[in-house]
PDB file of N, CA and C in Angstrom:
ATOM      1  N   MET A   1    -155.915  10.961  60.361  1.00  0.00           N
ATOM      2  CA  MET A   1    -156.994  10.986  59.405  1.00  0.00           C
ATOM      3  C   MET A   1    -156.519  11.742  58.164  1.00  0.00           C
ATOM      4  N   TRP A   2    -156.745  11.159  57.014  1.00  0.00           N
ATOM      5  CA  TRP A   2    -156.357  11.799  55.765  1.00  0.00           C
ATOM      6  C   TRP A   2    -157.535  12.563  55.200  1.00  0.00           C
ATOM      7  N   ILE A   3    -157.254  13.701  54.609  1.00  0.00           N
ATOM      8  CA  ILE A   3    -158.301  14.485  53.962  1.00  0.00           C
ATOM      9  C   ILE A   3    -158.612  13.833  52.631  1.00  0.00           C
ATOM     10  N   LYS A   4    -159.883  13.529  52.419  1.00  0.00           N
ATOM     11  CA  LYS A   4    -160.296  12.924  51.152  1.00  0.00           C
ATOM     12  C   LYS A   4    -160.867  14.013  50.259  1.00  0.00           C
ATOM     13  N   ARG A   5    -160.568  13.905  48.975  1.00  0.00           N
ATOM     14  CA  ARG A   5    -161.104  14.875  48.030  1.00  0.00           C
ATOM     15  C   ARG A   5    -161.589  14.161  46.788  1.00  0.00           C
ATOM     16  N   ASP A   6    -162.379  14.851  46.038  1.00  0.00           N
ATOM     17  CA  ASP A   6    -162.930  14.329  44.799  1.00  0.00           C
ATOM     18  C   ASP A   6    -161.773  14.019  43.846  1.00  0.00           C
ATOM     19  N   PRO A   7    -161.633  12.754  43.385  1.00  0.00           N
ATOM     20  CA  PRO A   7    -160.505  12.408  42.504  1.00  0.00           C
ATOM     21  C   PRO A   7    -160.480  13.199  41.204  1.00  0.00           C
ATOM     22  N   SER A   8    -161.623  13.670  40.742  1.00  0.00           N
ATOM     23  CA  SER A   8    -161.648  14.440  39.502  1.00  0.00           C
ATOM     24  C   SER A   8    -160.975  15.798  39.682  1.00  0.00           C
ATOM     25  N   ARG A   9    -160.787  16.227  40.915  1.00  0.00           N
ATOM     26  CA  ARG A   9    -160.154  17.515  41.181  1.00  0.00           C
ATOM     27  C   ARG A   9    -158.668  17.379  41.492  1.00  0.00           C
ATOM     28  N   SER A  10    -158.148  16.171  41.514  1.00  0.00           N
ATOM     29  CA  SER A  10    -156.770  15.964  41.957  1.00  0.00           C
ATOM     30  C   SER A  10    -155.733  16.608  41.043  1.00  0.00           C
ATOM     31  N   GLY A  11    -156.076  16.865  39.794  1.00  0.00           N
ATOM     32  CA  GLY A  11    -155.126  17.463  38.873  1.00  0.00           C
ATOM     33  C   GLY A  11    -155.120  18.980  38.898  1.00  0.00           C
ATOM     34  N   ILE A  12    -155.955  19.570  39.723  1.00  0.00           N
ATOM     35  CA  ILE A  12    -156.040  21.022  39.781  1.00  0.00           C
ATOM     36  C   ILE A  12    -154.918  21.558  40.673  1.00  0.00           C
ATOM     37  N   ALA A  13    -154.137  22.457  40.109  1.00  0.00           N
ATOM     38  CA  ALA A  13    -153.040  23.049  40.885  1.00  0.00           C
ATOM     39  C   ALA A  13    -153.599  24.029  41.908  1.00  0.00           C
ATOM     40  N   HIS A  14    -152.966  24.082  43.046  1.00  0.00           N
ATOM     41  CA  HIS A  14    -153.366  25.033  44.078  1.00  0.00           C
ATOM     42  C   HIS A  14    -152.120  25.482  44.827  1.00  0.00           C
ATOM     43  N   PRO A  15    -152.130  26.710  45.311  1.00  0.00           N
ATOM     44  CA  PRO A  15    -150.952  27.183  46.042  1.00  0.00           C
ATOM     45  C   PRO A  15    -150.820  26.480  47.385  1.00  0.00           C
ATOM     46  N   VAL A  16    -149.603  26.264  47.791  1.00  0.00           N
ATOM     47  CA  VAL A  16    -149.333  25.661  49.097  1.00  0.00           C
ATOM     48  C   VAL A  16    -149.127  26.812  50.077  1.00  0.00           C
ATOM     49  N   PRO A  17    -149.923  26.860  51.140  1.00  0.00           N
ATOM     50  CA  PRO A  17    -149.751  27.967  52.086  1.00  0.00           C
ATOM     51  C   PRO A  17    -148.409  27.877  52.805  1.00  0.00           C
ATOM     52  N   SER A  18    -147.928  29.017  53.212  1.00  0.00           N
ATOM     53  CA  SER A  18    -146.671  29.026  53.963  1.00  0.00           C
ATOM     54  C   SER A  18    -146.948  28.710  55.426  1.00  0.00           C
ATOM     55  N   VAL A  19    -145.904  28.349  56.132  1.00  0.00           N
ATOM     56  CA  VAL A  19    -146.014  28.098  57.570  1.00  0.00           C
ATOM     57  C   VAL A  19    -146.531  29.361  58.261  1.00  0.00           C
ATOM     58  N   THR A  20    -146.020  30.518  57.859  1.00  0.00           N
ATOM     59  CA  THR A  20    -146.452  31.779  58.468  1.00  0.00           C
ATOM     60  C   THR A  20    -147.931  32.031  58.223  1.00  0.00           C
ATOM     61  N   GLN A  21    -148.412  31.783  57.002  1.00  0.00           N
ATOM     62  CA  GLN A  21    -149.833  31.970  56.707  1.00  0.00           C
ATOM     63  C   GLN A  21    -150.689  31.056  57.570  1.00  0.00           C
ATOM     64  N   ALA A  22    -150.284  29.814  57.703  1.00  0.00           N
ATOM     65  CA  ALA A  22    -151.045  28.864  58.515  1.00  0.00           C
ATOM     66  C   ALA A  22    -151.048  29.288  59.983  1.00  0.00           C
ATOM     67  N   ARG A  23    -149.907  29.700  60.485  1.00  0.00           N
ATOM     68  CA  ARG A  23    -149.821  30.154  61.882  1.00  0.00           C
ATOM     69  C   ARG A  23    -150.700  31.381  62.115  1.00  0.00           C
ATOM     70  N   ASN A  24    -150.707  32.303  61.168  1.00  0.00           N
ATOM     71  CA  ASN A  24    -151.538  33.498  61.313  1.00  0.00           C
ATOM     72  C   ASN A  24    -153.018  33.138  61.375  1.00  0.00           C
ATOM     73  N   LEU A  25    -153.436  32.168  60.580  1.00  0.00           N
ATOM     74  CA  LEU A  25    -154.836  31.728  60.626  1.00  0.00           C
ATOM     75  C   LEU A  25    -155.176  31.100  61.972  1.00  0.00           C
ATOM     76  N   ILE A  26    -154.276  30.290  62.495  1.00  0.00           N
ATOM     77  CA  ILE A  26    -154.497  29.655  63.799  1.00  0.00           C
ATOM     78  C   ILE A  26    -154.652  30.717  64.883  1.00  0.00           C
ATOM     79  N   ARG A  27    -153.820  31.727  64.838  1.00  0.00           N
ATOM     80  CA  ARG A  27    -153.844  32.774  65.876  1.00  0.00           C
ATOM     81  C   ARG A  27    -155.122  33.608  65.833  1.00  0.00           C
ATOM     82  N   LEU A  28    -155.837  33.600  64.705  1.00  0.00           N
ATOM     83  CA  LEU A  28    -157.090  34.351  64.597  1.00  0.00           C
ATOM     84  C   LEU A  28    -158.229  33.710  65.384  1.00  0.00           C
ATOM     85  N   ASP A  29    -158.106  32.433  65.694  1.00  0.00           N
ATOM     86  CA  ASP A  29    -159.170  31.723  66.416  1.00  0.00           C
ATOM     87  C   ASP A  29    -159.125  32.110  67.889  1.00  0.00           C
ATOM     88  N   GLN A  30    -160.095  32.891  68.305  1.00  0.00           N
ATOM     89  CA  GLN A  30    -160.144  33.407  69.675  1.00  0.00           C
ATOM     90  C   GLN A  30    -160.479  32.342  70.709  1.00  0.00           C
ATOM     91  N   ASP A  31    -160.976  31.183  70.268  1.00  0.00           N
ATOM     92  CA  ASP A  31    -161.388  30.131  71.198  1.00  0.00           C
ATOM     93  C   ASP A  31    -160.250  29.189  71.592  1.00  0.00           C
ATOM     94  N   LEU A  32    -159.092  29.317  70.949  1.00  0.00           N
ATOM     95  CA  LEU A  32    -157.976  28.417  71.249  1.00  0.00           C
ATOM     96  C   LEU A  32    -157.179  28.902  72.453  1.00  0.00           C
ATOM     97  N   THR A  33    -156.723  27.951  73.238  1.00  0.00           N
ATOM     98  CA  THR A  33    -155.826  28.283  74.348  1.00  0.00           C
ATOM     99  C   THR A  33    -154.414  28.440  73.797  1.00  0.00           C
ATOM    100  N   LEU A  34    -153.540  29.017  74.583  1.00  0.00           N
ATOM    101  CA  LEU A  34    -152.146  29.167  74.163  1.00  0.00           C
ATOM    102  C   LEU A  34    -151.513  27.805  73.898  1.00  0.00           C
ATOM    103  N   ALA A  35    -151.831  26.820  74.728  1.00  0.00           N
ATOM    104  CA  ALA A  35    -151.286  25.468  74.538  1.00  0.00           C
ATOM    105  C   ALA A  35    -151.749  24.876  73.206  1.00  0.00           C
ATOM    106  N   GLU A  36    -152.998  25.110  72.832  1.00  0.00           N
ATOM    107  CA  GLU A  36    -153.511  24.602  71.553  1.00  0.00           C
ATOM    108  C   GLU A  36    -152.835  25.297  70.381  1.00  0.00           C
ATOM    109  N   ILE A  37    -152.599  26.583  70.511  1.00  0.00           N
ATOM    110  CA  ILE A  37    -151.917  27.328  69.448  1.00  0.00           C
ATOM    111  C   ILE A  37    -150.494  26.816  69.275  1.00  0.00           C
ATOM    112  N   VAL A  38    -149.793  26.612  70.373  1.00  0.00           N
ATOM    113  CA  VAL A  38    -148.415  26.105  70.316  1.00  0.00           C
ATOM    114  C   VAL A  38    -148.388  24.725  69.667  1.00  0.00           C
ATOM    115  N   LEU A  39    -149.314  23.858  70.054  1.00  0.00           N
ATOM    116  CA  LEU A  39    -149.380  22.521  69.457  1.00  0.00           C
ATOM    117  C   LEU A  39    -149.635  22.611  67.954  1.00  0.00           C
ATOM    118  N   ALA A  40    -150.608  23.425  67.549  1.00  0.00           N
ATOM    119  CA  ALA A  40    -150.923  23.574  66.126  1.00  0.00           C
ATOM    120  C   ALA A  40    -149.721  24.104  65.353  1.00  0.00           C
ATOM    121  N   GLU A  41    -149.021  25.067  65.915  1.00  0.00           N
ATOM    122  CA  GLU A  41    -147.845  25.619  65.240  1.00  0.00           C
ATOM    123  C   GLU A  41    -146.746  24.572  65.088  1.00  0.00           C
ATOM    124  N   ASP A  42    -146.569  23.743  66.101  1.00  0.00           N
ATOM    125  CA  ASP A  42    -145.570  22.670  66.013  1.00  0.00           C
ATOM    126  C   ASP A  42    -145.931  21.668  64.924  1.00  0.00           C
ATOM    127  N   VAL A  43    -147.198  21.310  64.836  1.00  0.00           N
ATOM    128  CA  VAL A  43    -147.655  20.350  63.826  1.00  0.00           C
ATOM    129  C   VAL A  43    -147.535  20.951  62.430  1.00  0.00           C
ATOM    130  N   ILE A  44    -147.936  22.205  62.273  1.00  0.00           N
ATOM    131  CA  ILE A  44    -147.868  22.873  60.970  1.00  0.00           C
ATOM    132  C   ILE A  44    -146.444  22.855  60.423  1.00  0.00           C
ATOM    133  N   SER A  45    -145.483  23.074  61.279  1.00  0.00           N
ATOM    134  CA  SER A  45    -144.098  23.188  60.806  1.00  0.00           C
ATOM    135  C   SER A  45    -143.524  21.873  60.286  1.00  0.00           C
ATOM    136  N   ILE A  46    -144.138  20.729  60.638  1.00  0.00           N
ATOM    137  CA  ILE A  46    -143.609  19.433  60.200  1.00  0.00           C
ATOM    138  C   ILE A  46    -144.617  18.588  59.421  1.00  0.00           C
ATOM    139  N   ALA A  47    -145.814  19.100  59.180  1.00  0.00           N
ATOM    140  CA  ALA A  47    -146.885  18.319  58.552  1.00  0.00           C
ATOM    141  C   ALA A  47    -146.537  17.901  57.124  1.00  0.00           C
ATOM    142  N   VAL A  48    -146.778  16.618  56.818  1.00  0.00           N
ATOM    143  CA  VAL A  48    -146.586  16.092  55.469  1.00  0.00           C
ATOM    144  C   VAL A  48    -147.829  15.314  55.059  1.00  0.00           C
ATOM    145  N   GLY A  49    -148.050  15.228  53.757  1.00  0.00           N
ATOM    146  CA  GLY A  49    -149.169  14.464  53.224  1.00  0.00           C
ATOM    147  C   GLY A  49    -148.802  13.001  53.047  1.00  0.00           C
ATOM    148  N   LYS A  50    -149.745  12.221  52.516  1.00  0.00           N
ATOM    149  CA  LYS A  50    -149.519  10.786  52.306  1.00  0.00           C
ATOM    150  C   LYS A  50    -148.338  10.524  51.377  1.00  0.00           C
ATOM    151  N   ASN A  51    -148.110  11.451  50.444  1.00  0.00           N
ATOM    152  CA  ASN A  51    -147.022  11.280  49.481  1.00  0.00           C
ATOM    153  C   ASN A  51    -145.675  11.760  50.027  1.00  0.00           C
ATOM    154  N   GLY A  52    -145.666  12.239  51.255  1.00  0.00           N
ATOM    155  CA  GLY A  52    -144.424  12.696  51.868  1.00  0.00           C
ATOM    156  C   GLY A  52    -144.089  14.146  51.613  1.00  0.00           C
ATOM    157  N   ASN A  53    -144.894  14.827  50.808  1.00  0.00           N
ATOM    158  CA  ASN A  53    -144.646  16.244  50.540  1.00  0.00           C
ATOM    159  C   ASN A  53    -145.151  17.093  51.699  1.00  0.00           C
ATOM    160  N   ARG A  54    -144.436  18.146  51.983  1.00  0.00           N
ATOM    161  CA  ARG A  54    -144.847  19.054  53.056  1.00  0.00           C
ATOM    162  C   ARG A  54    -146.172  19.716  52.710  1.00  0.00           C
ATOM    163  N   LEU A  55    -147.029  19.872  53.704  1.00  0.00           N
ATOM    164  CA  LEU A  55    -148.330  20.507  53.501  1.00  0.00           C
ATOM    165  C   LEU A  55    -148.240  22.023  53.548  1.00  0.00           C
ATOM    166  N   PHE A  56    -147.190  22.542  54.157  1.00  0.00           N
ATOM    167  CA  PHE A  56    -146.989  23.980  54.252  1.00  0.00           C
ATOM    168  C   PHE A  56    -145.561  24.291  53.850  1.00  0.00           C
ATOM    169  N   ASN A  57    -145.396  25.349  53.050  1.00  0.00           N
ATOM    170  CA  ASN A  57    -144.056  25.755  52.634  1.00  0.00           C
ATOM    171  C   ASN A  57    -143.259  26.272  53.814  1.00  0.00           C
ATOM    172  N   ASP A  58    -141.986  25.956  53.802  1.00  0.00           N
ATOM    173  CA  ASP A  58    -141.057  26.524  54.776  1.00  0.00           C
ATOM    174  C   ASP A  58    -140.743  27.938  54.308  1.00  0.00           C
ATOM    175  N   ASP A  59    -141.131  28.931  55.081  1.00  0.00           N
ATOM    176  CA  ASP A  59    -140.961  30.330  54.681  1.00  0.00           C
ATOM    177  C   ASP A  59    -139.516  30.684  54.370  1.00  0.00           C
ATOM    178  N   SER A  60    -138.578  30.020  55.003  1.00  0.00           N
ATOM    179  CA  SER A  60    -137.168  30.359  54.806  1.00  0.00           C
ATOM    180  C   SER A  60    -136.595  29.783  53.518  1.00  0.00           C
ATOM    181  N   SER A  61    -137.326  28.854  52.879  1.00  0.00           N
ATOM    182  CA  SER A  61    -136.790  28.214  51.673  1.00  0.00           C
ATOM    183  C   SER A  61    -136.911  29.087  50.442  1.00  0.00           C
ATOM    184  N   GLY A  62    -137.887  30.014  50.459  1.00  0.00           N
ATOM    185  CA  GLY A  62    -138.097  30.857  49.296  1.00  0.00           C
ATOM    186  C   GLY A  62    -138.857  30.171  48.194  1.00  0.00           C
ATOM    187  N   ASN A  63    -139.286  28.920  48.402  1.00  0.00           N
ATOM    188  CA  ASN A  63    -140.037  28.194  47.386  1.00  0.00           C
ATOM    189  C   ASN A  63    -141.507  28.533  47.479  1.00  0.00           C
ATOM    190  N   SER A  64    -142.193  28.506  46.338  1.00  0.00           N
ATOM    191  CA  SER A  64    -143.627  28.765  46.342  1.00  0.00           C
ATOM    192  C   SER A  64    -144.416  27.495  46.108  1.00  0.00           C
ATOM    193  N   HIS A  65    -143.745  26.328  46.015  1.00  0.00           N
ATOM    194  CA  HIS A  65    -144.456  25.058  45.789  1.00  0.00           C
ATOM    195  C   HIS A  65    -144.147  24.085  46.884  1.00  0.00           C
TER     196      HIS A  65
END
C-alpha cells in the first residue's frame, strides 16, 4: 500500500528520518512483540518509495537526505 498525500504538498521539503530514529520509535511501542519489532526493523532498513528512493537514511552514510 502506498501512502497518498495531498499533491499540493508534494513540493514541501521534509527531513528523511534515519534508520536509527525509525527503530527507536518502533521500540517505544509497548504493545509489539519482539518478533514484530525485528520484522519492522528489517523492513525499515530496506524500505523504498515508489520512486526507488530510500524512505530512511542509512545512518552509516552520513547523508541527511
